[in-house]
C-alpha atoms as a PDB file:
ATOM      1  CA  MET A   1      -0.598  -6.336 -17.747  1.00  0.00           C
ATOM      2  CA  ASN A   2      -2.453  -7.936 -15.311  1.00  0.00           C
ATOM      3  CA  MET A   3      -6.048  -8.397 -15.636  1.00  0.00           C
ATOM      4  CA  SER A   4      -8.622 -10.514 -13.213  1.00  0.00           C
ATOM      5  CA  VAL A   5     -11.937 -12.766 -13.668  1.00  0.00           C
ATOM      6  CA  THR A   6     -13.889 -12.342 -10.561  1.00  0.00           C
ATOM      7  CA  PRO A   7     -17.269 -14.730 -11.495  1.00  0.00           C
ATOM      8  CA  GLN A   8     -20.530 -13.916  -9.847  1.00  0.00           C
ATOM      9  CA  ALA A   9     -23.964 -15.787 -10.574  1.00  0.00           C
ATOM     10  CA  GLY A  10     -25.841 -14.188 -12.989  1.00  0.00           C
ATOM     11  CA  GLU A  11     -25.637 -11.360 -16.419  1.00  0.00           C
ATOM     12  CA  LEU A  12     -22.242 -12.521 -17.549  1.00  0.00           C
ATOM     13  CA  GLY A  13     -21.541  -8.478 -17.669  1.00  0.00           C
ATOM     14  CA  ALA A  14     -22.340  -8.467 -13.781  1.00  0.00           C
ATOM     15  CA  GLY A  15     -19.187 -11.372 -13.291  1.00  0.00           C
ATOM     16  CA  VAL A  16     -16.807  -9.957 -15.439  1.00  0.00           C
ATOM     17  CA  SER A  17     -13.807  -8.042 -13.476  1.00  0.00           C
ATOM     18  CA  VAL A  18     -10.858  -6.420 -15.671  1.00  0.00           C
ATOM     19  CA  SER A  19      -8.326  -4.415 -13.800  1.00  0.00           C
ATOM     20  CA  ASP A  20      -6.022  -1.806 -14.926  1.00  0.00           C
ATOM     21  CA  TYR A  21      -3.296  -2.642 -18.212  1.00  0.00           C
ATOM     22  CA  ARG A  22      -0.081  -2.580 -16.903  1.00  0.00           C
ATOM     23  CA  PHE A  23       1.670   0.507 -17.980  1.00  0.00           C
ATOM     24  CA  ASP A  24       5.030  -0.394 -19.908  1.00  0.00           C
ATOM     25  CA  GLU A  25       7.309   2.363 -19.872  1.00  0.00           C
ATOM     26  CA  LYS A  26       9.616   1.232 -22.222  1.00  0.00           C
ATOM     27  CA  LYS A  27       6.289   0.913 -24.793  1.00  0.00           C
ATOM     28  CA  ALA A  28       4.936   3.964 -24.470  1.00  0.00           C
ATOM     29  CA  THR A  29       8.298   6.091 -25.073  1.00  0.00           C
ATOM     30  CA  ARG A  30       8.599   4.143 -28.282  1.00  0.00           C
ATOM     31  CA  ALA A  31       5.335   4.846 -28.951  1.00  0.00           C
ATOM     32  CA  ALA A  32       5.978   8.628 -28.157  1.00  0.00           C
ATOM     33  CA  SER A  33       8.967   8.658 -30.021  1.00  0.00           C
ATOM     34  CA  PHE A  34       6.952   7.436 -33.371  1.00  0.00           C
ATOM     35  CA  PHE A  35       4.513  10.310 -33.216  1.00  0.00           C
ATOM     36  CA  ALA A  36       7.518  13.145 -32.255  1.00  0.00           C
ATOM     37  CA  LYS A  37       9.410  11.970 -35.275  1.00  0.00           C
ATOM     38  CA  LYS A  38       6.920  12.614 -37.992  1.00  0.00           C
ATOM     39  CA  PHE A  39       7.079  16.248 -36.086  1.00  0.00           C
ATOM     40  CA  GLU A  40      10.897  16.682 -36.612  1.00  0.00           C
ATOM     41  CA  GLY A  41      11.044  15.626 -32.905  1.00  0.00           C
ATOM     42  CA  GLU A  42       8.883  17.933 -31.566  1.00  0.00           C
ATOM     43  CA  ILE A  43       5.171  17.910 -30.476  1.00  0.00           C
ATOM     44  CA  ASN A  44       2.294  19.444 -28.550  1.00  0.00           C
ATOM     45  CA  TYR A  45       2.383  17.927 -25.474  1.00  0.00           C
ATOM     46  CA  MET A  46      -1.569  17.333 -25.528  1.00  0.00           C
ATOM     47  CA  LYS A  47      -1.889  16.180 -29.155  1.00  0.00           C
ATOM     48  CA  LEU A  48       0.614  13.517 -27.525  1.00  0.00           C
ATOM     49  CA  ILE A  49      -0.951  12.585 -24.941  1.00  0.00           C
ATOM     50  CA  LYS A  50      -4.211  12.248 -27.209  1.00  0.00           C
ATOM     51  CA  LEU A  51      -2.664  10.879 -29.957  1.00  0.00           C
ATOM     52  CA  LEU A  52      -1.036   7.923 -27.407  1.00  0.00           C
ATOM     53  CA  TYR A  53      -4.529   7.742 -25.694  1.00  0.00           C
ATOM     54  CA  LEU A  54      -6.152   6.790 -29.337  1.00  0.00           C
ATOM     55  CA  THR A  55      -3.535   4.482 -29.830  1.00  0.00           C
ATOM     56  CA  ASP A  56      -4.203   2.014 -27.030  1.00  0.00           C
ATOM     57  CA  ARG A  57      -8.250   2.669 -27.671  1.00  0.00           C
ATOM     58  CA  GLU A  58      -7.410   1.128 -31.070  1.00  0.00           C
ATOM     59  CA  SER A  59      -4.795  -1.243 -30.058  1.00  0.00           C
ATOM     60  CA  ILE A  60      -7.739  -2.742 -27.444  1.00  0.00           C
ATOM     61  CA  LYS A  61     -10.498  -2.728 -30.529  1.00  0.00           C
ATOM     62  CA  ARG A  62      -8.263  -4.506 -32.538  1.00  0.00           C
ATOM     63  CA  THR A  63      -6.430  -7.191 -30.309  1.00  0.00           C
ATOM     64  CA  GLY A  64      -8.093  -6.661 -26.263  1.00  0.00           C
ATOM     65  CA  PHE A  65      -4.600  -5.273 -24.952  1.00  0.00           C
ATOM     66  CA  PRO A  66      -3.220  -1.748 -25.866  1.00  0.00           C
ATOM     67  CA  ILE A  67       0.313  -0.827 -26.238  1.00  0.00           C
ATOM     68  CA  ALA A  68       1.393   1.377 -23.248  1.00  0.00           C
ATOM     69  CA  GLY A  69      -1.687  -0.004 -21.343  1.00  0.00           C
ATOM     70  CA  GLY A  70      -1.812   1.893 -17.407  1.00  0.00           C
ATOM     71  CA  GLN A  71      -4.382   3.737 -15.566  1.00  0.00           C
ATOM     72  CA  TYR A  72      -6.828   5.355 -17.883  1.00  0.00           C
ATOM     73  CA  VAL A  73      -8.707   8.383 -16.445  1.00  0.00           C
ATOM     74  CA  SER A  74     -11.513  11.451 -17.644  1.00  0.00           C
ATOM     75  CA  MET A  75      -9.870  14.563 -17.025  1.00  0.00           C
ATOM     76  CA  ASP A  76     -11.538  17.792 -18.274  1.00  0.00           C
ATOM     77  CA  TYR A  77     -10.010  18.104 -22.088  1.00  0.00           C
ATOM     78  CA  GLY A  78     -11.039  13.970 -22.312  1.00  0.00           C
ATOM     79  CA  PRO A  79      -9.832  10.168 -21.226  1.00  0.00           C
ATOM     80  CA  VAL A  80      -5.953  10.019 -20.907  1.00  0.00           C
ATOM     81  CA  THR A  81      -3.158   7.422 -19.924  1.00  0.00           C
ATOM     82  CA  SER A  82      -2.098   9.046 -16.219  1.00  0.00           C
ATOM     83  CA  PRO A  83       1.179   7.538 -16.275  1.00  0.00           C
ATOM     84  CA  ILE A  84       1.968   9.469 -19.893  1.00  0.00           C
ATOM     85  CA  TYR A  85       0.303  12.435 -18.751  1.00  0.00           C
ATOM     86  CA  GLU A  86       2.681  12.538 -15.616  1.00  0.00           C
ATOM     87  CA  ALA A  87       5.185  11.774 -17.202  1.00  0.00           C
ATOM     88  CA  VAL A  88       5.065  14.500 -19.964  1.00  0.00           C
ATOM     89  CA  GLN A  89       4.287  16.703 -17.608  1.00  0.00           C
ATOM     90  CA  GLU A  90       7.097  15.844 -15.847  1.00  0.00           C
ATOM     91  CA  LYS A  91       4.940  15.289 -12.726  1.00  0.00           C
ATOM     92  CA  LYS A  92       6.505  12.129 -11.640  1.00  0.00           C
ATOM     93  CA  HIS A  93      10.345  10.251 -12.745  1.00  0.00           C
ATOM     94  CA  PHE A  94      10.194   7.662 -15.387  1.00  0.00           C
ATOM     95  CA  PRO A  95      13.721   6.875 -15.778  1.00  0.00           C
ATOM     96  CA  PHE A  96      13.362   5.248 -19.675  1.00  0.00           C
ATOM     97  CA  TRP A  97      10.965   8.055 -20.473  1.00  0.00           C
ATOM     98  CA  SER A  98      13.333  10.866 -19.348  1.00  0.00           C
ATOM     99  CA  CYS A  99      16.301   9.240 -20.723  1.00  0.00           C
ATOM    100  CA  PHE A 100      14.695  10.571 -24.528  1.00  0.00           C
ATOM    101  CA  PHE A 101      12.385  13.637 -23.998  1.00  0.00           C
ATOM    102  CA  LYS A 102      12.045  16.535 -22.476  1.00  0.00           C
ATOM    103  CA  LYS A 103       9.501  19.177 -22.025  1.00  0.00           C
ATOM    104  CA  SER A 104      10.161  22.407 -23.704  1.00  0.00           C
ATOM    105  CA  GLY A 105       7.181  25.158 -22.741  1.00  0.00           C
ATOM    106  CA  TYR A 106       4.156  23.540 -24.631  1.00  0.00           C
ATOM    107  CA  ASP A 107       5.688  20.965 -26.340  1.00  0.00           C
ATOM    108  CA  VAL A 108       7.369  17.831 -25.922  1.00  0.00           C
ATOM    109  CA  ARG A 109      10.869  17.117 -27.034  1.00  0.00           C
ATOM    110  CA  LEU A 110      12.761  13.903 -28.245  1.00  0.00           C
ATOM    111  CA  ILE A 111      16.257  14.304 -27.295  1.00  0.00           C
ATOM    112  CA  ASN A 112      17.688  10.959 -27.890  1.00  0.00           C
ATOM    113  CA  ASP A 113      16.013   8.037 -30.332  1.00  0.00           C
ATOM    114  CA  PRO A 114      14.752   4.599 -28.166  1.00  0.00           C
ATOM    115  CA  GLY A 115      14.370   2.891 -31.451  1.00  0.00           C
ATOM    116  CA  GLU A 116      11.853   1.015 -32.297  1.00  0.00           C
ATOM    117  CA  ASP A 117      10.252  -2.527 -30.879  1.00  0.00           C
ATOM    118  CA  PHE A 118       7.010  -2.889 -32.441  1.00  0.00           C
ATOM    119  CA  SER A 119       4.705  -5.922 -33.721  1.00  0.00           C
ATOM    120  CA  LYS A 120       3.187  -5.612 -36.628  1.00  0.00           C
ATOM    121  CA  SER A 121       0.252  -5.138 -35.617  1.00  0.00           C
ATOM    122  CA  GLU A 122       1.376  -2.365 -33.126  1.00  0.00           C
ATOM    123  CA  LEU A 123       3.004  -0.974 -35.912  1.00  0.00           C
ATOM    124  CA  ASP A 124      -0.032  -0.903 -38.282  1.00  0.00           C
ATOM    125  CA  THR A 125      -2.138   0.866 -35.516  1.00  0.00           C
ATOM    126  CA  LEU A 126       0.630   3.718 -34.503  1.00  0.00           C
ATOM    127  CA  GLU A 127       0.669   4.241 -38.710  1.00  0.00           C
ATOM    128  CA  PHE A 128      -3.375   4.081 -38.695  1.00  0.00           C
ATOM    129  CA  ILE A 129      -3.783   6.782 -35.927  1.00  0.00           C
ATOM    130  CA  PHE A 130      -1.060   8.629 -37.339  1.00  0.00           C
ATOM    131  CA  GLU A 131      -2.840   8.797 -40.764  1.00  0.00           C
ATOM    132  CA  ARG A 132      -6.127   9.434 -38.723  1.00  0.00           C
ATOM    133  CA  PHE A 133      -5.287  11.583 -36.556  1.00  0.00           C
ATOM    134  CA  GLY A 134      -1.630  13.300 -37.511  1.00  0.00           C
ATOM    135  CA  SER A 135      -3.223  16.221 -39.244  1.00  0.00           C
ATOM    136  CA  MET A 136      -5.376  17.455 -36.781  1.00  0.00           C
ATOM    137  CA  THR A 137      -4.655  20.517 -33.773  1.00  0.00           C
ATOM    138  CA  GLU A 138      -4.584  19.061 -29.962  1.00  0.00           C
ATOM    139  CA  TRP A 139      -7.877  21.023 -29.816  1.00  0.00           C
ATOM    140  CA  ASP A 140      -9.074  19.044 -32.503  1.00  0.00           C
ATOM    141  CA  LEU A 141      -8.163  15.707 -30.874  1.00  0.00           C
ATOM    142  CA  VAL A 142     -10.202  17.199 -27.672  1.00  0.00           C
ATOM    143  CA  LYS A 143     -13.158  17.583 -29.450  1.00  0.00           C
ATOM    144  CA  PHE A 144     -12.963  14.302 -31.424  1.00  0.00           C
ATOM    145  CA  THR A 145     -12.297  12.451 -27.653  1.00  0.00           C
ATOM    146  CA  HIS A 146     -14.947  14.415 -26.392  1.00  0.00           C
ATOM    147  CA  ASP A 147     -17.548  13.406 -28.686  1.00  0.00           C
ATOM    148  CA  ASN A 148     -16.196  10.164 -29.775  1.00  0.00           C
ATOM    149  CA  CYS A 149     -14.818   7.929 -26.755  1.00  0.00           C
ATOM    150  CA  PRO A 150     -18.361   7.611 -24.641  1.00  0.00           C
ATOM    151  CA  GLU A 151     -15.972   5.614 -21.567  1.00  0.00           C
ATOM    152  CA  TRP A 152     -14.765   9.662 -21.251  1.00  0.00           C
ATOM    153  CA  MET A 153     -17.169  11.408 -18.093  1.00  0.00           C
ATOM    154  CA  ASP A 154     -17.030  15.026 -18.151  1.00  0.00           C
ATOM    155  CA  PRO A 155     -14.937  14.969 -14.719  1.00  0.00           C
ATOM    156  CA  GLN A 156     -16.448  19.080 -13.815  1.00  0.00           C
ATOM    157  CA  GLY A 157     -12.459  20.107 -12.648  1.00  0.00           C
ATOM    158  CA  THR A 158     -11.440  16.676 -11.347  1.00  0.00           C
ATOM    159  CA  SER A 159     -10.141  13.094 -12.640  1.00  0.00           C
ATOM    160  CA  ASN A 160     -11.958   9.940 -12.419  1.00  0.00           C
ATOM    161  CA  PRO A 161     -11.088   6.798 -13.455  1.00  0.00           C
ATOM    162  CA  ILE A 162     -11.651   4.863 -16.748  1.00  0.00           C
ATOM    163  CA  PRO A 163     -12.128   1.045 -16.117  1.00  0.00           C
ATOM    164  CA  SER A 164     -10.435  -0.559 -19.046  1.00  0.00           C
ATOM    165  CA  ARG A 165     -13.022  -3.274 -18.687  1.00  0.00           C
ATOM    166  CA  GLU A 166     -15.402   0.028 -19.781  1.00  0.00           C
ATOM    167  CA  ILE A 167     -13.078   1.253 -22.893  1.00  0.00           C
ATOM    168  CA  LEU A 168     -13.379  -2.426 -24.125  1.00  0.00           C
ATOM    169  CA  LYS A 169     -16.669  -2.909 -23.744  1.00  0.00           C
ATOM    170  CA  ARG A 170     -17.193   1.033 -25.622  1.00  0.00           C
ATOM    171  CA  VAL A 171     -14.977  -0.714 -28.589  1.00  0.00           C
ATOM    172  CA  GLY A 172     -17.298  -3.196 -29.067  1.00  0.00           C
ATOM    173  CA  LYS A 173     -16.520  -6.525 -26.931  1.00  0.00           C
ATOM    174  CA  SER A 174     -18.759  -8.227 -26.158  1.00  0.00           C
ATOM    175  CA  ASP A 175     -18.674  -9.766 -22.346  1.00  0.00           C
ATOM    176  CA  GLU A 176     -17.768 -13.824 -23.864  1.00  0.00           C
ATOM    177  CA  GLN A 177     -14.567 -11.900 -25.336  1.00  0.00           C
ATOM    178  CA  ILE A 178     -14.032  -9.368 -22.345  1.00  0.00           C
ATOM    179  CA  LEU A 179     -14.015 -12.916 -20.602  1.00  0.00           C
ATOM    180  CA  GLY A 180     -11.249 -14.481 -22.863  1.00  0.00           C
ATOM    181  CA  ILE A 181      -9.205 -11.325 -22.631  1.00  0.00           C
ATOM    182  CA  ALA A 182      -8.847 -11.829 -19.069  1.00  0.00           C
ATOM    183  CA  GLU A 183      -8.167 -15.397 -19.030  1.00  0.00           C
ATOM    184  CA  GLU A 184      -5.298 -14.944 -21.825  1.00  0.00           C
ATOM    185  CA  GLN A 185      -3.745 -12.279 -19.865  1.00  0.00           C
ATOM    186  CA  ARG A 186      -3.779 -14.233 -16.676  1.00  0.00           C
ATOM    187  CA  ARG A 187      -2.454 -17.150 -18.663  1.00  0.00           C
ATOM    188  CA  LEU A 188       0.383 -14.931 -20.010  1.00  0.00           C
ATOM    189  CA  ASP A 189       1.155 -13.249 -16.354  1.00  0.00           C
ATOM    190  CA  ILE A 190       1.599 -16.929 -14.736  1.00  0.00           C
ATOM    191  CA  MET A 191       4.486 -17.188 -17.983  1.00  0.00           C
ATOM    192  CA  ASP A 192       6.027 -14.130 -17.101  1.00  0.00           C
ATOM    193  CA  SER A 193       6.063 -15.086 -12.891  1.00  0.00           C
ATOM    194  CA  SER A 194       7.603 -18.164 -14.242  1.00  0.00           C
ATOM    195  CA  PHE A 195       9.996 -16.672 -16.555  1.00  0.00           C
ATOM    196  CA  LEU A 196      11.092 -14.376 -13.733  1.00  0.00           C
ATOM    197  CA  ALA A 197      11.454 -17.340 -10.897  1.00  0.00           C
ATOM    198  CA  SER A 198      13.736 -18.678 -13.477  1.00  0.00           C
ATOM    199  CA  GLU A 199      16.479 -16.214 -13.570  1.00  0.00           C
END
């Protein structure tokens, strides 16, 4: 995940710039597998997309960071994570994802188990989302996200990016908290870069 802070004069809200979260294909695949296994390995693709968006949103609310990450966009049927939408619809090749999932009509089928590699916080979030939304149909979830995710704006037949900062604000993060989240991620990115350089 990459986030940046761009200080400017005036109100803090105008001076905090948060870039998109980096997409974690392995975490996204394992989160999708978590939900698919709740439905005997096969789940409606729109329902899966909605559950994964709500998972990231809840994780951002709890910790400031998503589980899967990626570019979020408003589409006609609500907010989605763009790379997850592309993976589910097989519009783009994701090598790890494609080892474990296959689209089958309106469903996505789990063909292999990628295993689980979640922190306790991530697993708690996944369980919370399933308990709250798992019994809803895909159309229930479309209506729920339209009514309860104010970061979504009706794109009227197109798709529009949802800035990560907008989600952070909509889940209740203050400007000071957003600034702290961006600074923490910048610190983690530096550590990741140093680790990769040492390999």
